[in-house]
Amino acid sequence: MTDIRAVDLNLLKTLDALLDECNVTRAAARLGLTQPAVSGMLTRLRESFGDPLFIRSQRGIVPTPRALELAGPVKQVLSEIEVLLSRPRFEPETADLTVTLAATDYAMKAAVVPFLTALRQKAPSIHVAVCPVENDRLAAQFEKGEIDLALLTPDTTPEGLRSRRLFSEDYVCALRAGHPEAACGRLTLDRFCALDHALMSHTGRVFWGATDEALAQLGRSRRVVISVPSFLVLLDIVRSSDLVAVIPRRLAARADGLAFIDPPVDIAGFTKIAAWHERTHRDGGHRWIRALLFETCGSLI
């Protein structure tokens, strides 16, 4: 019995070519090898299978019964190996896979919602599980395959991940549509600081943010009276009160019942990126999904 460890797959390719061509010279040309090289491989094939395999004739070589028995299985093995080594083409219309995406509530509203709308139109059988970002577990989640994609900022992205910029964001002031200040269309710095403010904090326990840092550089401050852990809840609070809130501009573009005014102070914005692990970097399905995310985010304001 032939030991599979002693069989070189290149020998099987040579055997296949010899069976098709029944001529060492033509088989060599087909394989891109020299005639002596093919002759040497035929010698190794004979040793591996314990059979002459081919007998010389006036018109070339004639396969033995054993060689003819091998013809079908060899073609099947080579075909299966080719399929195994080839990268399957991804067809979004029929693809059936599940992707887990981590995002903050802001990113869910600003990026994930339009992305999922586009995804449903182009790839209705793809499942997407959206989960909150857990900064202290991100690296482990990526390693274990618990998440495939995360929408983060550069400073919250673990080292060693692949990433790409989605968009840059700045801020606007949000007020309820009937707020006394809304009709003015602008806020002076004095009036801005005199108003009561609501703020989004991931923990819901912080009354200081990027706006306060910008004001501090001017020697000013504001009065933050409510801190909540969700931008979406923050908008509801503003709609139902005379509080003002500083929110990312992309949320303003999709919020009803509110008026928006540029803040009277320069507030540092932020960059949103998509991050993923090396294990999915070359996968056809994940590449297509990321490309759709980039395209969707790029088409928004």
C-alpha atoms as a PDB file:
ATOM      1  CA  MET A   1       0.000   0.000   0.000  1.00  0.00           C
ATOM      2  CA  THR A   2       1.358   3.421  -0.975  1.00  0.00           C
ATOM      3  CA  ASP A   3       2.095   5.737   1.964  1.00  0.00           C
ATOM      4  CA  ILE A   4       0.267   9.021   1.318  1.00  0.00           C
ATOM      5  CA  ARG A   5       3.135  10.867   2.999  1.00  0.00           C
ATOM      6  CA  ALA A   6       5.416   9.754   0.158  1.00  0.00           C
ATOM      7  CA  VAL A   7       3.144  11.127  -2.595  1.00  0.00           C
ATOM      8  CA  ASP A   8       3.904  14.610  -3.893  1.00  0.00           C
ATOM      9  CA  LEU A   9       0.777  16.338  -5.244  1.00  0.00           C
ATOM     10  CA  ASN A  10       2.889  17.634  -8.113  1.00  0.00           C
ATOM     11  CA  LEU A  11       3.368  13.996  -9.106  1.00  0.00           C
ATOM     12  CA  LEU A  12      -0.402  13.622  -9.400  1.00  0.00           C
ATOM     13  CA  LYS A  13      -0.496  16.635 -11.723  1.00  0.00           C
ATOM     14  CA  THR A  14       2.189  15.002 -13.819  1.00  0.00           C
ATOM     15  CA  LEU A  15       0.288  11.709 -13.890  1.00  0.00           C
ATOM     16  CA  ASP A  16      -2.861  13.539 -14.970  1.00  0.00           C
ATOM     17  CA  ALA A  17      -1.003  15.289 -17.806  1.00  0.00           C
ATOM     18  CA  LEU A  18       0.629  12.016 -18.964  1.00  0.00           C
ATOM     19  CA  LEU A  19      -2.745  10.256 -18.982  1.00  0.00           C
ATOM     20  CA  ASP A  20      -4.267  13.056 -21.072  1.00  0.00           C
ATOM     21  CA  GLU A  21      -1.383  13.490 -23.512  1.00  0.00           C
ATOM     22  CA  CYS A  22       0.116   9.959 -23.669  1.00  0.00           C
ATOM     23  CA  ASN A  23       3.297  11.742 -24.644  1.00  0.00           C
ATOM     24  CA  VAL A  24       6.126  12.859 -22.339  1.00  0.00           C
ATOM     25  CA  THR A  25       7.079  15.844 -24.508  1.00  0.00           C
ATOM     26  CA  ARG A  26       3.546  17.223 -24.729  1.00  0.00           C
ATOM     27  CA  ALA A  27       2.954  16.606 -21.021  1.00  0.00           C
ATOM     28  CA  ALA A  28       6.146  18.514 -20.210  1.00  0.00           C
ATOM     29  CA  ALA A  29       5.025  21.465 -22.353  1.00  0.00           C
ATOM     30  CA  ARG A  30       1.609  21.485 -20.653  1.00  0.00           C
ATOM     31  CA  LEU A  31       3.211  21.510 -17.202  1.00  0.00           C
ATOM     32  CA  GLY A  32       5.871  24.059 -18.104  1.00  0.00           C
ATOM     33  CA  LEU A  33       8.640  21.559 -17.331  1.00  0.00           C
ATOM     34  CA  THR A  34      11.490  19.990 -19.248  1.00  0.00           C
ATOM     35  CA  GLN A  35      11.165  16.498 -20.718  1.00  0.00           C
ATOM     36  CA  PRO A  36      13.897  15.089 -18.400  1.00  0.00           C
ATOM     37  CA  ALA A  37      12.056  16.541 -15.381  1.00  0.00           C
ATOM     38  CA  VAL A  38       8.816  14.801 -16.380  1.00  0.00           C
ATOM     39  CA  SER A  39      10.693  11.569 -17.037  1.00  0.00           C
ATOM     40  CA  GLY A  40      12.175  11.792 -13.558  1.00  0.00           C
ATOM     41  CA  MET A  41       8.715  12.372 -12.055  1.00  0.00           C
ATOM     42  CA  LEU A  42       7.373   9.370 -13.962  1.00  0.00           C
ATOM     43  CA  THR A  43      10.089   7.256 -12.353  1.00  0.00           C
ATOM     44  CA  ARG A  44       8.947   8.444  -8.919  1.00  0.00           C
ATOM     45  CA  LEU A  45       5.315   7.716  -9.826  1.00  0.00           C
ATOM     46  CA  ARG A  46       6.223   4.154 -10.779  1.00  0.00           C
ATOM     47  CA  GLU A  47       7.962   3.700  -7.436  1.00  0.00           C
ATOM     48  CA  SER A  48       5.019   5.158  -5.509  1.00  0.00           C
ATOM     49  CA  PHE A  49       2.358   3.020  -7.181  1.00  0.00           C
ATOM     50  CA  GLY A  50       4.458  -0.089  -7.760  1.00  0.00           C
ATOM     51  CA  ASP A  51       3.471  -0.237 -11.420  1.00  0.00           C
ATOM     52  CA  PRO A  52       5.097   0.818 -14.738  1.00  0.00           C
ATOM     53  CA  LEU A  53       2.014   3.011 -15.404  1.00  0.00           C
ATOM     54  CA  PHE A  54       3.109   3.715 -18.999  1.00  0.00           C
ATOM     55  CA  ILE A  55       4.720   1.570 -21.682  1.00  0.00           C
ATOM     56  CA  ARG A  56       6.639   3.115 -24.560  1.00  0.00           C
ATOM     57  CA  SER A  57       5.113   2.762 -28.031  1.00  0.00           C
ATOM     58  CA  GLN A  58       5.820   4.086 -31.505  1.00  0.00           C
ATOM     59  CA  ARG A  59       3.395   7.007 -30.949  1.00  0.00           C
ATOM     60  CA  GLY A  60       4.403   7.876 -27.411  1.00  0.00           C
ATOM     61  CA  ILE A  61       3.399   6.030 -24.242  1.00  0.00           C
ATOM     62  CA  VAL A  62       0.505   3.692 -23.497  1.00  0.00           C
ATOM     63  CA  PRO A  63      -1.112   3.608 -20.016  1.00  0.00           C
ATOM     64  CA  THR A  64      -1.227   0.328 -18.147  1.00  0.00           C
ATOM     65  CA  PRO A  65      -4.530  -0.917 -16.623  1.00  0.00           C
ATOM     66  CA  ARG A  66      -3.372   0.426 -13.263  1.00  0.00           C
ATOM     67  CA  ALA A  67      -2.804   3.868 -14.764  1.00  0.00           C
ATOM     68  CA  LEU A  68      -6.269   3.801 -16.313  1.00  0.00           C
ATOM     69  CA  GLU A  69      -7.738   2.905 -12.917  1.00  0.00           C
ATOM     70  CA  LEU A  70      -6.047   5.967 -11.433  1.00  0.00           C
ATOM     71  CA  ALA A  71      -7.223   8.401 -14.134  1.00  0.00           C
ATOM     72  CA  GLY A  72     -10.658   9.190 -12.646  1.00  0.00           C
ATOM     73  CA  PRO A  73      -9.619   9.410  -8.973  1.00  0.00           C
ATOM     74  CA  VAL A  74      -6.591  11.569  -9.807  1.00  0.00           C
ATOM     75  CA  LYS A  75      -8.727  14.103 -11.695  1.00  0.00           C
ATOM     76  CA  GLN A  76     -11.214  14.180  -8.822  1.00  0.00           C
ATOM     77  CA  VAL A  77      -8.482  14.737  -6.214  1.00  0.00           C
ATOM     78  CA  LEU A  78      -6.889  17.522  -8.249  1.00  0.00           C
ATOM     79  CA  SER A  79     -10.281  19.147  -8.784  1.00  0.00           C
ATOM     80  CA  GLU A  80     -11.105  19.032  -5.071  1.00  0.00           C
ATOM     81  CA  ILE A  81      -7.712  20.487  -4.170  1.00  0.00           C
ATOM     82  CA  GLU A  82      -8.262  23.322  -6.652  1.00  0.00           C
ATOM     83  CA  VAL A  83     -11.609  24.108  -5.038  1.00  0.00           C
ATOM     84  CA  LEU A  84     -10.016  23.926  -1.593  1.00  0.00           C
ATOM     85  CA  LEU A  85      -7.268  26.380  -2.525  1.00  0.00           C
ATOM     86  CA  SER A  86      -9.404  28.801  -4.502  1.00  0.00           C
ATOM     87  CA  ARG A  87     -11.126  31.733  -2.792  1.00  0.00           C
ATOM     88  CA  PRO A  88     -14.879  31.363  -3.311  1.00  0.00           C
ATOM     89  CA  ARG A  89     -16.651  34.299  -4.921  1.00  0.00           C
ATOM     90  CA  PHE A  90     -18.907  36.152  -2.514  1.00  0.00           C
ATOM     91  CA  GLU A  91     -22.474  36.620  -3.730  1.00  0.00           C
ATOM     92  CA  PRO A  92     -24.243  39.135  -1.443  1.00  0.00           C
ATOM     93  CA  GLU A  93     -27.694  38.406  -2.868  1.00  0.00           C
ATOM     94  CA  THR A  94     -27.592  34.815  -1.627  1.00  0.00           C
ATOM     95  CA  ALA A  95     -24.976  34.994   1.155  1.00  0.00           C
ATOM     96  CA  ASP A  96     -26.031  33.543   4.491  1.00  0.00           C
ATOM     97  CA  LEU A  97     -23.678  34.577   7.295  1.00  0.00           C
ATOM     98  CA  THR A  98     -23.812  36.336  10.644  1.00  0.00           C
ATOM     99  CA  VAL A  99     -21.720  39.390  11.521  1.00  0.00           C
ATOM    100  CA  THR A 100     -21.417  40.801  15.034  1.00  0.00           C
ATOM    101  CA  LEU A 101     -20.887  44.558  15.172  1.00  0.00           C
ATOM    102  CA  ALA A 102     -20.088  46.572  18.311  1.00  0.00           C
ATOM    103  CA  ALA A 103     -21.107  50.232  18.455  1.00  0.00           C
ATOM    104  CA  THR A 104     -22.072  53.009  20.856  1.00  0.00           C
ATOM    105  CA  ASP A 105     -25.634  54.310  20.720  1.00  0.00           C
ATOM    106  CA  TYR A 106     -24.349  57.341  18.789  1.00  0.00           C
ATOM    107  CA  ALA A 107     -22.678  55.120  16.181  1.00  0.00           C
ATOM    108  CA  MET A 108     -25.780  52.922  15.993  1.00  0.00           C
ATOM    109  CA  LYS A 109     -27.902  55.934  15.091  1.00  0.00           C
ATOM    110  CA  ALA A 110     -25.388  57.788  12.914  1.00  0.00           C
ATOM    111  CA  ALA A 111     -23.794  54.882  11.039  1.00  0.00           C
ATOM    112  CA  VAL A 112     -25.364  51.499  11.758  1.00  0.00           C
ATOM    113  CA  VAL A 113     -28.972  52.415  10.907  1.00  0.00           C
ATOM    114  CA  PRO A 114     -28.185  53.675   7.364  1.00  0.00           C
ATOM    115  CA  PHE A 115     -25.731  50.797   6.892  1.00  0.00           C
ATOM    116  CA  LEU A 116     -28.358  48.193   7.823  1.00  0.00           C
ATOM    117  CA  THR A 117     -30.883  49.848   5.504  1.00  0.00           C
ATOM    118  CA  ALA A 118     -28.466  49.454   2.594  1.00  0.00           C
ATOM    119  CA  LEU A 119     -27.516  45.939   3.676  1.00  0.00           C
ATOM    120  CA  ARG A 120     -31.126  44.750   3.695  1.00  0.00           C
ATOM    121  CA  GLN A 121     -31.514  45.909   0.108  1.00  0.00           C
ATOM    122  CA  LYS A 122     -28.337  44.290  -1.189  1.00  0.00           C
ATOM    123  CA  ALA A 123     -27.910  41.193   1.008  1.00  0.00           C
ATOM    124  CA  PRO A 124     -31.197  40.265   2.719  1.00  0.00           C
ATOM    125  CA  SER A 125     -29.935  36.929   4.072  1.00  0.00           C
ATOM    126  CA  ILE A 126     -26.996  38.346   6.034  1.00  0.00           C
ATOM    127  CA  HIS A 127     -27.631  38.486   9.792  1.00  0.00           C
ATOM    128  CA  VAL A 128     -26.161  41.332  11.827  1.00  0.00           C
ATOM    129  CA  ALA A 129     -25.982  41.235  15.620  1.00  0.00           C
ATOM    130  CA  VAL A 130     -25.348  44.713  17.047  1.00  0.00           C
ATOM    131  CA  CYS A 131     -23.992  44.915  20.587  1.00  0.00           C
ATOM    132  CA  PRO A 132     -22.649  47.678  22.875  1.00  0.00           C
ATOM    133  CA  VAL A 133     -18.960  48.537  22.912  1.00  0.00           C
ATOM    134  CA  GLU A 134     -17.189  47.128  25.971  1.00  0.00           C
ATOM    135  CA  ASN A 135     -13.840  48.896  25.890  1.00  0.00           C
ATOM    136  CA  ASP A 136     -12.188  46.710  28.515  1.00  0.00           C
ATOM    137  CA  ARG A 137     -13.147  43.514  26.642  1.00  0.00           C
ATOM    138  CA  LEU A 138     -12.660  44.559  23.018  1.00  0.00           C
ATOM    139  CA  ALA A 139      -9.294  42.911  22.434  1.00  0.00           C
ATOM    140  CA  ALA A 140     -10.430  39.601  23.919  1.00  0.00           C
ATOM    141  CA  GLN A 141     -13.733  39.711  22.029  1.00  0.00           C
ATOM    142  CA  PHE A 142     -11.926  40.135  18.728  1.00  0.00           C
ATOM    143  CA  GLU A 143      -9.471  37.350  19.561  1.00  0.00           C
ATOM    144  CA  LYS A 144     -12.267  34.926  20.437  1.00  0.00           C
ATOM    145  CA  GLY A 145     -14.387  35.849  17.417  1.00  0.00           C
ATOM    146  CA  GLU A 146     -17.169  37.236  19.607  1.00  0.00           C
ATOM    147  CA  ILE A 147     -17.245  40.402  17.500  1.00  0.00           C
ATOM    148  CA  ASP A 148     -16.220  40.928  13.886  1.00  0.00           C
ATOM    149  CA  LEU A 149     -16.398  44.702  13.507  1.00  0.00           C
ATOM    150  CA  ALA A 150     -16.434  47.653  15.895  1.00  0.00           C
ATOM    151  CA  LEU A 151     -17.153  51.343  15.370  1.00  0.00           C
ATOM    152  CA  LEU A 152     -14.720  53.186  17.607  1.00  0.00           C
ATOM    153  CA  THR A 153     -12.524  56.259  17.919  1.00  0.00           C
ATOM    154  CA  PRO A 154      -8.743  56.032  17.442  1.00  0.00           C
ATOM    155  CA  ASP A 155      -8.057  56.456  21.158  1.00  0.00           C
ATOM    156  CA  THR A 156     -10.374  53.564  22.122  1.00  0.00           C
ATOM    157  CA  THR A 157      -9.096  51.099  19.510  1.00  0.00           C
ATOM    158  CA  PRO A 158      -6.961  48.212  20.851  1.00  0.00           C
ATOM    159  CA  GLU A 159      -3.532  47.762  19.305  1.00  0.00           C
ATOM    160  CA  GLY A 160      -3.064  45.163  16.590  1.00  0.00           C
ATOM    161  CA  LEU A 161      -6.416  45.644  14.861  1.00  0.00           C
ATOM    162  CA  ARG A 162      -6.994  46.648  11.274  1.00  0.00           C
ATOM    163  CA  SER A 163      -8.882  49.933  10.964  1.00  0.00           C
ATOM    164  CA  ARG A 164     -10.118  52.564   8.548  1.00  0.00           C
ATOM    165  CA  ARG A 165     -11.538  56.035   9.027  1.00  0.00           C
ATOM    166  CA  LEU A 166     -15.294  56.345   8.526  1.00  0.00           C
ATOM    167  CA  PHE A 167     -15.853  60.064   9.072  1.00  0.00           C
ATOM    168  CA  SER A 168     -14.991  63.068  11.207  1.00  0.00           C
ATOM    169  CA  GLU A 169     -17.613  64.638  13.445  1.00  0.00           C
ATOM    170  CA  ASP A 170     -18.208  68.035  15.011  1.00  0.00           C
ATOM    171  CA  TYR A 171     -20.905  69.426  17.303  1.00  0.00           C
ATOM    172  CA  VAL A 172     -24.055  71.566  17.270  1.00  0.00           C
ATOM    173  CA  CYS A 173     -26.290  72.905  20.025  1.00  0.00           C
ATOM    174  CA  ALA A 174     -29.696  71.215  20.239  1.00  0.00           C
ATOM    175  CA  LEU A 175     -32.804  72.928  21.637  1.00  0.00           C
ATOM    176  CA  ARG A 176     -36.482  72.070  21.474  1.00  0.00           C
ATOM    177  CA  ALA A 177     -38.131  73.608  18.413  1.00  0.00           C
ATOM    178  CA  GLY A 178     -40.131  76.099  20.524  1.00  0.00           C
ATOM    179  CA  HIS A 179     -37.253  77.136  22.765  1.00  0.00           C
ATOM    180  CA  PRO A 180     -37.022  80.945  23.245  1.00  0.00           C
ATOM    181  CA  GLU A 181     -33.445  80.899  21.952  1.00  0.00           C
ATOM    182  CA  ALA A 182     -34.284  78.857  18.845  1.00  0.00           C
ATOM    183  CA  ALA A 183     -35.824  81.795  16.975  1.00  0.00           C
ATOM    184  CA  CYS A 184     -32.637  83.831  17.270  1.00  0.00           C
ATOM    185  CA  GLY A 185     -30.619  81.405  15.163  1.00  0.00           C
ATOM    186  CA  ARG A 186     -27.503  82.038  17.227  1.00  0.00           C
ATOM    187  CA  LEU A 187     -26.246  81.907  20.799  1.00  0.00           C
ATOM    188  CA  THR A 188     -23.824  84.339  22.356  1.00  0.00           C
ATOM    189  CA  LEU A 189     -21.195  82.881  24.640  1.00  0.00           C
ATOM    190  CA  ASP A 190     -22.748  84.621  27.632  1.00  0.00           C
ATOM    191  CA  ARG A 191     -26.207  83.253  26.903  1.00  0.00           C
ATOM    192  CA  PHE A 192     -24.818  79.789  26.175  1.00  0.00           C
ATOM    193  CA  CYS A 193     -23.096  79.675  29.559  1.00  0.00           C
ATOM    194  CA  ALA A 194     -26.208  80.990  31.351  1.00  0.00           C
ATOM    195  CA  LEU A 195     -28.513  78.235  30.061  1.00  0.00           C
ATOM    196  CA  ASP A 196     -29.037  74.914  31.835  1.00  0.00           C
ATOM    197  CA  HIS A 197     -27.378  72.062  29.962  1.00  0.00           C
ATOM    198  CA  ALA A 198     -27.844  68.307  29.598  1.00  0.00           C
ATOM    199  CA  LEU A 199     -24.847  66.127  28.772  1.00  0.00           C
ATOM    200  CA  MET A 200     -24.200  62.607  27.506  1.00  0.00           C
ATOM    201  CA  SER A 201     -21.771  60.565  29.587  1.00  0.00           C
ATOM    202  CA  HIS A 202     -21.132  56.865  28.976  1.00  0.00           C
ATOM    203  CA  THR A 203     -21.341  56.261  32.718  1.00  0.00           C
ATOM    204  CA  GLY A 204     -24.096  58.803  33.354  1.00  0.00           C
ATOM    205  CA  ARG A 205     -22.130  60.139  36.327  1.00  0.00           C
ATOM    206  CA  VAL A 206     -19.953  62.793  34.706  1.00  0.00           C
ATOM    207  CA  PHE A 207     -20.879  66.465  34.340  1.00  0.00           C
ATOM    208  CA  TRP A 208     -17.856  67.441  32.258  1.00  0.00           C
ATOM    209  CA  GLY A 209     -17.064  66.889  28.577  1.00  0.00           C
ATOM    210  CA  ALA A 210     -15.378  68.294  25.470  1.00  0.00           C
ATOM    211  CA  THR A 211     -17.552  71.423  25.651  1.00  0.00           C
ATOM    212  CA  ASP A 212     -16.437  72.145  29.200  1.00  0.00           C
ATOM    213  CA  GLU A 213     -12.792  71.718  28.195  1.00  0.00           C
ATOM    214  CA  ALA A 214     -13.252  74.261  25.404  1.00  0.00           C
ATOM    215  CA  LEU A 215     -14.960  76.711  27.773  1.00  0.00           C
ATOM    216  CA  ALA A 216     -12.249  76.258  30.393  1.00  0.00           C
ATOM    217  CA  GLN A 217      -9.632  77.391  27.878  1.00  0.00           C
ATOM    218  CA  LEU A 218     -11.586  80.673  27.647  1.00  0.00           C
ATOM    219  CA  GLY A 219     -11.942  80.943  31.402  1.00  0.00           C
ATOM    220  CA  ARG A 220     -15.656  80.195  31.181  1.00  0.00           C
ATOM    221  CA  SER A 221     -17.979  77.448  32.384  1.00  0.00           C
ATOM    222  CA  ARG A 222     -21.547  76.237  31.947  1.00  0.00           C
ATOM    223  CA  ARG A 223     -24.125  74.676  34.244  1.00  0.00           C
ATOM    224  CA  VAL A 224     -24.750  70.982  33.485  1.00  0.00           C
ATOM    225  CA  VAL A 225     -27.800  69.791  35.421  1.00  0.00           C
ATOM    226  CA  ILE A 226     -28.460  66.393  33.829  1.00  0.00           C
ATOM    227  CA  SER A 227     -26.036  63.633  32.764  1.00  0.00           C
ATOM    228  CA  VAL A 228     -27.345  60.568  30.924  1.00  0.00           C
ATOM    229  CA  PRO A 229     -25.559  57.577  29.313  1.00  0.00           C
ATOM    230  CA  SER A 230     -27.330  57.802  25.943  1.00  0.00           C
ATOM    231  CA  PHE A 231     -27.470  60.402  23.187  1.00  0.00           C
ATOM    232  CA  LEU A 232     -30.925  59.159  22.187  1.00  0.00           C
ATOM    233  CA  VAL A 233     -32.287  59.745  25.704  1.00  0.00           C
ATOM    234  CA  LEU A 234     -30.508  63.095  25.735  1.00  0.00           C
ATOM    235  CA  LEU A 235     -32.478  64.206  22.661  1.00  0.00           C
ATOM    236  CA  ASP A 236     -35.765  63.216  24.283  1.00  0.00           C
ATOM    237  CA  ILE A 237     -34.861  65.271  27.356  1.00  0.00           C
ATOM    238  CA  VAL A 238     -34.090  68.309  25.226  1.00  0.00           C
ATOM    239  CA  ARG A 239     -37.375  67.950  23.301  1.00  0.00           C
ATOM    240  CA  SER A 240     -39.379  68.082  26.511  1.00  0.00           C
ATOM    241  CA  SER A 241     -37.546  70.866  28.360  1.00  0.00           C
ATOM    242  CA  ASP A 242     -35.726  74.162  28.013  1.00  0.00           C
ATOM    243  CA  LEU A 243     -32.369  72.484  28.444  1.00  0.00           C
ATOM    244  CA  VAL A 244     -29.722  72.807  25.767  1.00  0.00           C
ATOM    245  CA  ALA A 245     -27.359  70.013  24.759  1.00  0.00           C
ATOM    246  CA  VAL A 246     -24.263  69.865  22.598  1.00  0.00           C
ATOM    247  CA  ILE A 247     -24.555  66.827  20.298  1.00  0.00           C
ATOM    248  CA  PRO A 248     -22.724  65.375  17.266  1.00  0.00           C
ATOM    249  CA  ARG A 249     -23.901  66.963  14.032  1.00  0.00           C
ATOM    250  CA  ARG A 250     -24.856  63.635  12.438  1.00  0.00           C
ATOM    251  CA  LEU A 251     -27.449  63.069  15.139  1.00  0.00           C
ATOM    252  CA  ALA A 252     -28.914  66.486  14.403  1.00  0.00           C
ATOM    253  CA  ALA A 253     -29.469  65.500  10.792  1.00  0.00           C
ATOM    254  CA  ARG A 254     -31.874  62.745  11.886  1.00  0.00           C
ATOM    255  CA  ALA A 255     -33.628  64.317  14.866  1.00  0.00           C
ATOM    256  CA  ASP A 256     -37.188  65.693  14.703  1.00  0.00           C
ATOM    257  CA  GLY A 257     -38.741  68.334  16.930  1.00  0.00           C
ATOM    258  CA  LEU A 258     -35.466  70.092  17.615  1.00  0.00           C
ATOM    259  CA  ALA A 259     -33.698  73.257  16.521  1.00  0.00           C
ATOM    260  CA  PHE A 260     -29.939  73.412  16.005  1.00  0.00           C
ATOM    261  CA  ILE A 261     -27.490  76.268  16.395  1.00  0.00           C
ATOM    262  CA  ASP A 262     -23.725  76.296  16.006  1.00  0.00           C
ATOM    263  CA  PRO A 263     -22.041  76.571  19.423  1.00  0.00           C
ATOM    264  CA  PRO A 264     -20.386  79.910  20.277  1.00  0.00           C
ATOM    265  CA  VAL A 265     -17.151  78.117  21.198  1.00  0.00           C
ATOM    266  CA  ASP A 266     -14.803  75.891  19.202  1.00  0.00           C
ATOM    267  CA  ILE A 267     -15.274  72.336  20.482  1.00  0.00           C
ATOM    268  CA  ALA A 268     -12.843  69.598  19.471  1.00  0.00           C
ATOM    269  CA  GLY A 269     -14.610  67.021  17.313  1.00  0.00           C
ATOM    270  CA  PHE A 270     -13.754  63.358  16.939  1.00  0.00           C
ATOM    271  CA  THR A 271     -13.073  60.745  14.289  1.00  0.00           C
ATOM    272  CA  LYS A 272     -15.069  57.546  13.923  1.00  0.00           C
ATOM    273  CA  ILE A 273     -13.299  54.465  12.601  1.00  0.00           C
ATOM    274  CA  ALA A 274     -14.180  50.860  11.823  1.00  0.00           C
ATOM    275  CA  ALA A 275     -11.876  48.259  13.368  1.00  0.00           C
ATOM    276  CA  TRP A 276     -11.600  44.541  12.647  1.00  0.00           C
ATOM    277  CA  HIS A 277      -9.333  41.587  13.401  1.00  0.00           C
ATOM    278  CA  GLU A 278      -6.749  40.079  11.073  1.00  0.00           C
ATOM    279  CA  ARG A 279      -8.697  36.798  11.025  1.00  0.00           C
ATOM    280  CA  THR A 280     -11.492  38.380   8.924  1.00  0.00           C
ATOM    281  CA  HIS A 281      -9.316  40.757   6.919  1.00  0.00           C
ATOM    282  CA  ARG A 282      -9.212  38.632   3.742  1.00  0.00           C
ATOM    283  CA  ASP A 283     -12.596  36.942   4.026  1.00  0.00           C
ATOM    284  CA  GLY A 284     -14.731  37.778   0.980  1.00  0.00           C
ATOM    285  CA  GLY A 285     -17.953  38.284   2.903  1.00  0.00           C
ATOM    286  CA  HIS A 286     -16.432  40.508   5.555  1.00  0.00           C
ATOM    287  CA  ARG A 287     -14.557  42.536   2.936  1.00  0.00           C
ATOM    288  CA  TRP A 288     -17.831  43.177   1.104  1.00  0.00           C
ATOM    289  CA  ILE A 289     -19.630  44.146   4.329  1.00  0.00           C
ATOM    290  CA  ARG A 290     -16.880  46.584   5.287  1.00  0.00           C
ATOM    291  CA  ALA A 291     -16.920  48.114   1.814  1.00  0.00           C
ATOM    292  CA  LEU A 292     -20.680  48.705   2.107  1.00  0.00           C
ATOM    293  CA  LEU A 293     -20.177  50.317   5.515  1.00  0.00           C
ATOM    294  CA  PHE A 294     -17.483  52.626   4.126  1.00  0.00           C
ATOM    295  CA  GLU A 295     -19.678  53.500   1.155  1.00  0.00           C
ATOM    296  CA  THR A 296     -22.709  54.192   3.343  1.00  0.00           C
ATOM    297  CA  CYS A 297     -20.816  56.392   5.799  1.00  0.00           C
ATOM    298  CA  GLY A 298     -19.115  58.238   2.978  1.00  0.00           C
ATOM    299  CA  SER A 299     -22.467  59.179   1.440  1.00  0.00           C
ATOM    300  CA  LEU A 300     -23.749  60.805   4.640  1.00  0.00           C
ATOM    301  CA  ILE A 301     -23.040  64.344   5.759  1.00  0.00           C
END
